[in-house]
Amino acid sequence: MSSPVRRELEDFVAGRGQAERVVIAAAVAYYGEGGKGKGEWLRPVIDVIDRASPGIVELGSVSGTAGFEVRLAERPFPGRYEDDLRRAAQAALAGLPAADASVAPGLLRRVVGAIRRLLSA
């Protein structure tokens, strides 16, 4: 059986998927289970994500007081890194273990939903 991250990578490589979905699926598989994810085969993808790092927070100034206002920011994956991400996805798929079932489909849907709710708040 194919894992959700594998499907996202395959769709992205084939031109049917979005970079943002690859970032979410790869991060869940790689960093999942309390930092003990079993996605070492995703290292090439994670390296590109780290380089592109669109960030999830913005710092803003606060009038009248010292310090910064921290707010959530929804930023798309930078387009200039999409070719690198596609090549990394191809490399990860080539090194994919035969029986990859690292993330349950329901878990991925819940995590994606939670991230979307967090970013839209």
Protein backbone atom coordinates (compact mmCIF):
# COMPACT_ATOMS: atom_id res chain seq x y z
CA MET A 1 0.00 0.00 0.00
CA SER A 2 1.22 3.47 -0.85
CA SER A 3 1.58 6.13 1.83
CA PRO A 4 0.05 9.62 1.55
CA VAL A 5 3.49 11.21 1.29
CA ARG A 6 4.40 8.90 -1.56
CA ARG A 7 1.22 9.88 -3.42
CA GLU A 8 1.95 13.57 -2.86
CA LEU A 9 5.51 13.16 -4.16
CA GLU A 10 4.33 11.19 -7.19
CA ASP A 11 1.62 13.76 -8.00
CA PHE A 12 4.09 16.62 -7.65
CA VAL A 13 6.72 14.96 -9.85
CA ALA A 14 4.02 14.26 -12.45
CA GLY A 15 2.93 17.91 -12.38
CA ARG A 16 -0.44 17.25 -10.75
CA GLY A 17 0.41 18.28 -7.18
CA GLN A 18 1.27 21.43 -5.28
CA ALA A 19 4.53 22.19 -3.53
CA GLU A 20 2.71 23.18 -0.34
CA ARG A 21 1.09 19.74 -0.08
CA VAL A 22 4.50 18.08 -0.54
CA VAL A 23 5.94 20.26 2.24
CA ILE A 24 3.15 19.30 4.66
CA ALA A 25 3.21 15.58 3.83
CA ALA A 26 7.01 15.36 3.93
CA ALA A 27 7.23 17.23 7.24
CA VAL A 28 4.59 15.01 8.85
CA ALA A 29 6.35 11.84 7.68
CA TYR A 30 9.86 13.07 8.52
CA TYR A 31 9.22 14.77 11.87
CA GLY A 32 6.18 12.70 12.94
CA GLU A 33 5.77 10.58 16.03
CA GLY A 34 7.15 13.20 18.40
CA GLY A 35 10.29 13.79 16.36
CA LYS A 36 10.87 10.09 15.77
CA GLY A 37 9.50 9.91 12.23
CA LYS A 38 10.59 7.06 10.04
CA GLY A 39 11.09 9.17 6.95
CA GLU A 40 14.87 9.35 6.59
CA TRP A 41 14.36 8.56 2.91
CA LEU A 42 12.78 12.04 2.69
CA ARG A 43 16.04 13.79 3.65
CA PRO A 44 16.56 15.27 0.12
CA VAL A 45 13.08 16.81 0.24
CA ILE A 46 13.54 18.15 3.78
CA ASP A 47 16.87 19.73 2.75
CA VAL A 48 15.12 21.71 -0.02
CA ILE A 49 12.29 22.69 2.33
CA ASP A 50 14.83 23.95 4.87
CA ARG A 51 16.61 26.00 2.20
CA ALA A 52 13.36 27.52 0.92
CA SER A 53 11.86 27.92 4.41
CA PRO A 54 8.93 30.24 3.68
CA GLY A 55 8.23 30.55 7.40
CA ILE A 56 4.97 30.51 9.28
CA VAL A 57 5.24 33.66 11.41
CA GLU A 58 5.72 37.35 10.75
CA LEU A 59 7.23 39.84 13.14
CA GLY A 60 5.56 43.23 13.26
CA SER A 61 6.16 46.37 15.23
CA VAL A 62 3.93 47.28 18.13
CA SER A 63 3.17 50.96 18.51
CA GLY A 64 3.59 52.44 21.94
CA THR A 65 5.49 49.53 23.51
CA ALA A 66 8.79 47.76 23.14
CA GLY A 67 8.96 44.41 21.42
CA PHE A 68 7.35 42.74 18.45
CA GLU A 69 3.97 41.43 17.51
CA VAL A 70 4.15 37.82 16.32
CA ARG A 71 1.41 36.74 13.93
CA LEU A 72 0.84 33.72 11.75
CA ALA A 73 1.69 34.13 8.08
CA GLU A 74 0.51 31.98 5.23
CA ARG A 75 3.26 32.01 2.65
CA PRO A 76 3.37 29.87 -0.45
CA PHE A 77 6.38 27.71 -1.19
CA PRO A 78 8.84 29.92 -3.12
CA GLY A 79 8.52 29.23 -6.85
CA ARG A 80 12.26 29.48 -7.45
CA TYR A 81 12.76 26.31 -5.38
CA GLU A 82 10.08 24.18 -7.09
CA ASP A 83 12.53 22.63 -9.57
CA ASP A 84 14.85 21.71 -6.68
CA LEU A 85 11.88 20.27 -4.79
CA ARG A 86 10.84 18.23 -7.83
CA ARG A 87 14.36 16.79 -8.21
CA ALA A 88 14.50 16.01 -4.48
CA ALA A 89 11.09 14.31 -4.69
CA GLN A 90 12.36 12.17 -7.57
CA ALA A 91 15.44 11.24 -5.53
CA ALA A 92 13.31 10.41 -2.49
CA LEU A 93 10.98 8.23 -4.57
CA ALA A 94 13.99 6.42 -6.00
CA GLY A 95 15.22 5.67 -2.46
CA LEU A 96 11.79 4.78 -1.10
CA PRO A 97 11.68 1.64 1.02
CA ALA A 98 9.59 -1.17 -0.47
CA ALA A 99 6.99 -1.22 2.31
CA ASP A 100 6.40 2.40 3.20
CA ALA A 101 3.49 2.89 5.55
CA SER A 102 4.93 5.60 7.78
CA VAL A 103 1.87 7.88 7.99
CA ALA A 104 -1.73 6.79 8.25
CA PRO A 105 -4.00 8.57 5.69
CA GLY A 106 -6.38 9.78 8.39
CA LEU A 107 -3.53 11.25 10.41
CA LEU A 108 -2.26 13.21 7.41
CA ARG A 109 -5.74 14.63 6.74
CA ARG A 110 -6.08 15.68 10.38
CA VAL A 111 -2.63 17.30 10.43
CA VAL A 112 -3.25 19.16 7.15
CA GLY A 113 -6.62 20.35 8.48
CA ALA A 114 -5.06 21.52 11.73
CA ILE A 115 -2.31 23.42 9.91
CA ARG A 116 -4.86 25.09 7.63
CA ARG A 117 -7.02 26.10 10.60
CA LEU A 118 -3.95 27.45 12.38
CA LEU A 119 -2.83 29.48 9.38
CA SER A 120 -6.30 30.87 8.69
CA ALA A 121 -6.85 31.97 12.28
